[in-house]
Amino acid sequence: MKIPVEQLSLEELIALNKRVVQRIRELHGRQTQHELAAFQVGDRVSFQSDGRLVEGLVVRVNRRTLSVRTGEASWNLPPRFVTKLPNADTVHPQRAAENLPGRWN
């Protein structure tokens, strides 16, 4: 489908842009939800930080990110940056929640 953008007025272009941006956000949201569905609390995962491989434990699956606890810190990461470790035993969700700092203890 070809849209003759050269013939559209400024108002029409702005309206078209809003619709395109809305559609892109919707598609990204669906993809993120699909990626998040592969994870659950207690999964052992890895990700890259400052050029090094970091391993941690999923302590919460949020609407857009995974909360991952490592021995050093807590991270909120988009699922596209996280890899589920193969053959990793899943930790019981209650034990995973115990690893959260602050208000969740």
C-alpha atoms as a PDB file:
ATOM      1  CA  MET A   1       0.000   0.000   0.000  1.00  0.00           C
ATOM      2  CA  LYS A   2       1.467   3.285  -1.085  1.00  0.00           C
ATOM      3  CA  ILE A   3       0.368   6.499   0.632  1.00  0.00           C
ATOM      4  CA  PRO A   4       0.851   9.691  -1.402  1.00  0.00           C
ATOM      5  CA  VAL A   5       2.433  11.670   1.449  1.00  0.00           C
ATOM      6  CA  GLU A   6       3.472  14.444  -0.913  1.00  0.00           C
ATOM      7  CA  GLN A   7      -0.195  15.294  -1.376  1.00  0.00           C
ATOM      8  CA  LEU A   8      -1.104  15.365   2.343  1.00  0.00           C
ATOM      9  CA  SER A   9      -1.487  18.591   4.287  1.00  0.00           C
ATOM     10  CA  LEU A  10       0.449  19.265   7.475  1.00  0.00           C
ATOM     11  CA  GLU A  11      -2.582  18.358   9.601  1.00  0.00           C
ATOM     12  CA  GLU A  12      -3.066  15.097   7.711  1.00  0.00           C
ATOM     13  CA  LEU A  13       0.609  14.222   8.094  1.00  0.00           C
ATOM     14  CA  ILE A  14       0.466  14.873  11.847  1.00  0.00           C
ATOM     15  CA  ALA A  15      -2.642  12.682  12.161  1.00  0.00           C
ATOM     16  CA  LEU A  16      -0.990   9.939  10.111  1.00  0.00           C
ATOM     17  CA  ASN A  17       2.147  10.166  12.245  1.00  0.00           C
ATOM     18  CA  LYS A  18       0.111   9.753  15.443  1.00  0.00           C
ATOM     19  CA  ARG A  19      -1.568   6.657  14.050  1.00  0.00           C
ATOM     20  CA  VAL A  20       1.753   5.161  12.936  1.00  0.00           C
ATOM     21  CA  VAL A  21       3.392   5.797  16.319  1.00  0.00           C
ATOM     22  CA  GLN A  22       0.383   4.319  18.129  1.00  0.00           C
ATOM     23  CA  ARG A  23       0.534   1.184  15.949  1.00  0.00           C
ATOM     24  CA  ILE A  24       4.286   0.784  16.508  1.00  0.00           C
ATOM     25  CA  ARG A  25       3.798   1.046  20.289  1.00  0.00           C
ATOM     26  CA  GLU A  26       1.010  -1.525  20.136  1.00  0.00           C
ATOM     27  CA  LEU A  27       3.175  -3.984  18.189  1.00  0.00           C
ATOM     28  CA  HIS A  28       6.143  -3.475  20.528  1.00  0.00           C
ATOM     29  CA  GLY A  29       3.857  -4.038  23.514  1.00  0.00           C
ATOM     30  CA  ARG A  30       2.587  -7.312  22.069  1.00  0.00           C
ATOM     31  CA  GLN A  31       6.126  -8.480  21.365  1.00  0.00           C
ATOM     32  CA  THR A  32       7.237  -7.595  24.909  1.00  0.00           C
ATOM     33  CA  GLN A  33       4.280  -9.487  26.390  1.00  0.00           C
ATOM     34  CA  HIS A  34       5.146 -12.501  24.254  1.00  0.00           C
ATOM     35  CA  GLU A  35       8.777 -12.354  25.408  1.00  0.00           C
ATOM     36  CA  LEU A  36       7.768 -11.938  29.077  1.00  0.00           C
ATOM     37  CA  ALA A  37       5.563 -15.042  28.862  1.00  0.00           C
ATOM     38  CA  ALA A  38       8.713 -17.161  28.538  1.00  0.00           C
ATOM     39  CA  PHE A  39       9.817 -16.213  32.074  1.00  0.00           C
ATOM     40  CA  GLN A  40       8.485 -16.933  35.535  1.00  0.00           C
ATOM     41  CA  VAL A  41       9.522 -16.060  39.061  1.00  0.00           C
ATOM     42  CA  GLY A  42      12.415 -18.256  40.111  1.00  0.00           C
ATOM     43  CA  ASP A  43      13.985 -18.632  36.657  1.00  0.00           C
ATOM     44  CA  ARG A  44      17.749 -18.362  36.549  1.00  0.00           C
ATOM     45  CA  VAL A  45      18.815 -15.917  33.841  1.00  0.00           C
ATOM     46  CA  SER A  46      21.820 -14.093  32.455  1.00  0.00           C
ATOM     47  CA  PHE A  47      22.420 -10.723  30.794  1.00  0.00           C
ATOM     48  CA  GLN A  48      25.306  -8.497  29.713  1.00  0.00           C
ATOM     49  CA  SER A  49      26.401  -5.514  31.797  1.00  0.00           C
ATOM     50  CA  ASP A  50      29.497  -3.458  31.005  1.00  0.00           C
ATOM     51  CA  GLY A  51      30.796  -6.240  28.773  1.00  0.00           C
ATOM     52  CA  ARG A  52      30.515  -8.994  31.370  1.00  0.00           C
ATOM     53  CA  LEU A  53      28.008 -11.787  31.773  1.00  0.00           C
ATOM     54  CA  VAL A  54      25.820 -11.408  34.868  1.00  0.00           C
ATOM     55  CA  GLU A  55      23.663 -14.210  36.252  1.00  0.00           C
ATOM     56  CA  GLY A  56      20.644 -13.725  38.451  1.00  0.00           C
ATOM     57  CA  LEU A  57      17.227 -14.848  39.528  1.00  0.00           C
ATOM     58  CA  VAL A  58      13.875 -13.549  38.272  1.00  0.00           C
ATOM     59  CA  VAL A  59      12.064 -12.258  41.343  1.00  0.00           C
ATOM     60  CA  ARG A  60       9.170 -10.553  39.562  1.00  0.00           C
ATOM     61  CA  VAL A  61       7.638 -10.399  36.099  1.00  0.00           C
ATOM     62  CA  ASN A  62       6.445  -6.818  35.624  1.00  0.00           C
ATOM     63  CA  ARG A  63       4.260  -5.373  32.887  1.00  0.00           C
ATOM     64  CA  ARG A  64       7.223  -4.445  30.676  1.00  0.00           C
ATOM     65  CA  THR A  65      10.326  -5.720  32.467  1.00  0.00           C
ATOM     66  CA  LEU A  66      11.759  -8.519  34.540  1.00  0.00           C
ATOM     67  CA  SER A  67      13.026  -7.803  38.049  1.00  0.00           C
ATOM     68  CA  VAL A  68      16.250  -9.759  38.380  1.00  0.00           C
ATOM     69  CA  ARG A  69      18.247 -10.141  41.587  1.00  0.00           C
ATOM     70  CA  THR A  70      21.965 -10.832  41.381  1.00  0.00           C
ATOM     71  CA  GLY A  71      24.382 -11.227  44.231  1.00  0.00           C
ATOM     72  CA  GLU A  72      25.308  -7.566  43.829  1.00  0.00           C
ATOM     73  CA  ALA A  73      22.132  -5.693  42.915  1.00  0.00           C
ATOM     74  CA  SER A  74      18.577  -5.709  41.614  1.00  0.00           C
ATOM     75  CA  TRP A  75      17.863  -4.956  37.960  1.00  0.00           C
ATOM     76  CA  ASN A  76      14.722  -4.144  35.969  1.00  0.00           C
ATOM     77  CA  LEU A  77      15.418  -5.391  32.464  1.00  0.00           C
ATOM     78  CA  PRO A  78      13.427  -5.644  29.247  1.00  0.00           C
ATOM     79  CA  PRO A  79      13.053  -9.339  28.377  1.00  0.00           C
ATOM     80  CA  ARG A  80      14.932  -8.929  25.082  1.00  0.00           C
ATOM     81  CA  PHE A  81      18.145  -8.381  27.077  1.00  0.00           C
ATOM     82  CA  VAL A  82      17.702 -11.450  29.300  1.00  0.00           C
ATOM     83  CA  THR A  83      18.524 -15.065  28.489  1.00  0.00           C
ATOM     84  CA  LYS A  84      16.986 -17.938  30.402  1.00  0.00           C
ATOM     85  CA  LEU A  85      19.744 -20.286  31.478  1.00  0.00           C
ATOM     86  CA  PRO A  86      19.360 -23.756  29.931  1.00  0.00           C
ATOM     87  CA  ASN A  87      18.674 -26.676  32.242  1.00  0.00           C
ATOM     88  CA  ALA A  88      18.549 -24.303  35.169  1.00  0.00           C
ATOM     89  CA  ASP A  89      16.403 -25.426  38.054  1.00  0.00           C
ATOM     90  CA  THR A  90      13.613 -23.003  38.792  1.00  0.00           C
ATOM     91  CA  VAL A  91      13.659 -21.702  42.332  1.00  0.00           C
ATOM     92  CA  HIS A  92      10.375 -21.844  44.233  1.00  0.00           C
ATOM     93  CA  PRO A  93       8.615 -18.438  43.861  1.00  0.00           C
ATOM     94  CA  GLN A  94       8.439 -17.913  47.644  1.00  0.00           C
ATOM     95  CA  ARG A  95      12.218 -18.329  47.917  1.00  0.00           C
ATOM     96  CA  ALA A  96      12.740 -15.968  44.979  1.00  0.00           C
ATOM     97  CA  ALA A  97      10.606 -13.307  46.670  1.00  0.00           C
ATOM     98  CA  GLU A  98      12.726 -13.608  49.806  1.00  0.00           C
ATOM     99  CA  ASN A  99      15.684 -12.284  47.806  1.00  0.00           C
ATOM    100  CA  LEU A 100      14.012  -8.924  47.188  1.00  0.00           C
ATOM    101  CA  PRO A 101      15.447  -5.994  49.097  1.00  0.00           C
ATOM    102  CA  GLY A 102      13.549  -3.414  51.126  1.00  0.00           C
ATOM    103  CA  ARG A 103       9.784  -3.487  51.303  1.00  0.00           C
ATOM    104  CA  TRP A 104       9.421  -7.056  50.017  1.00  0.00           C
ATOM    105  CA  ASN A 105      11.359  -8.661  52.862  1.00  0.00           C
END
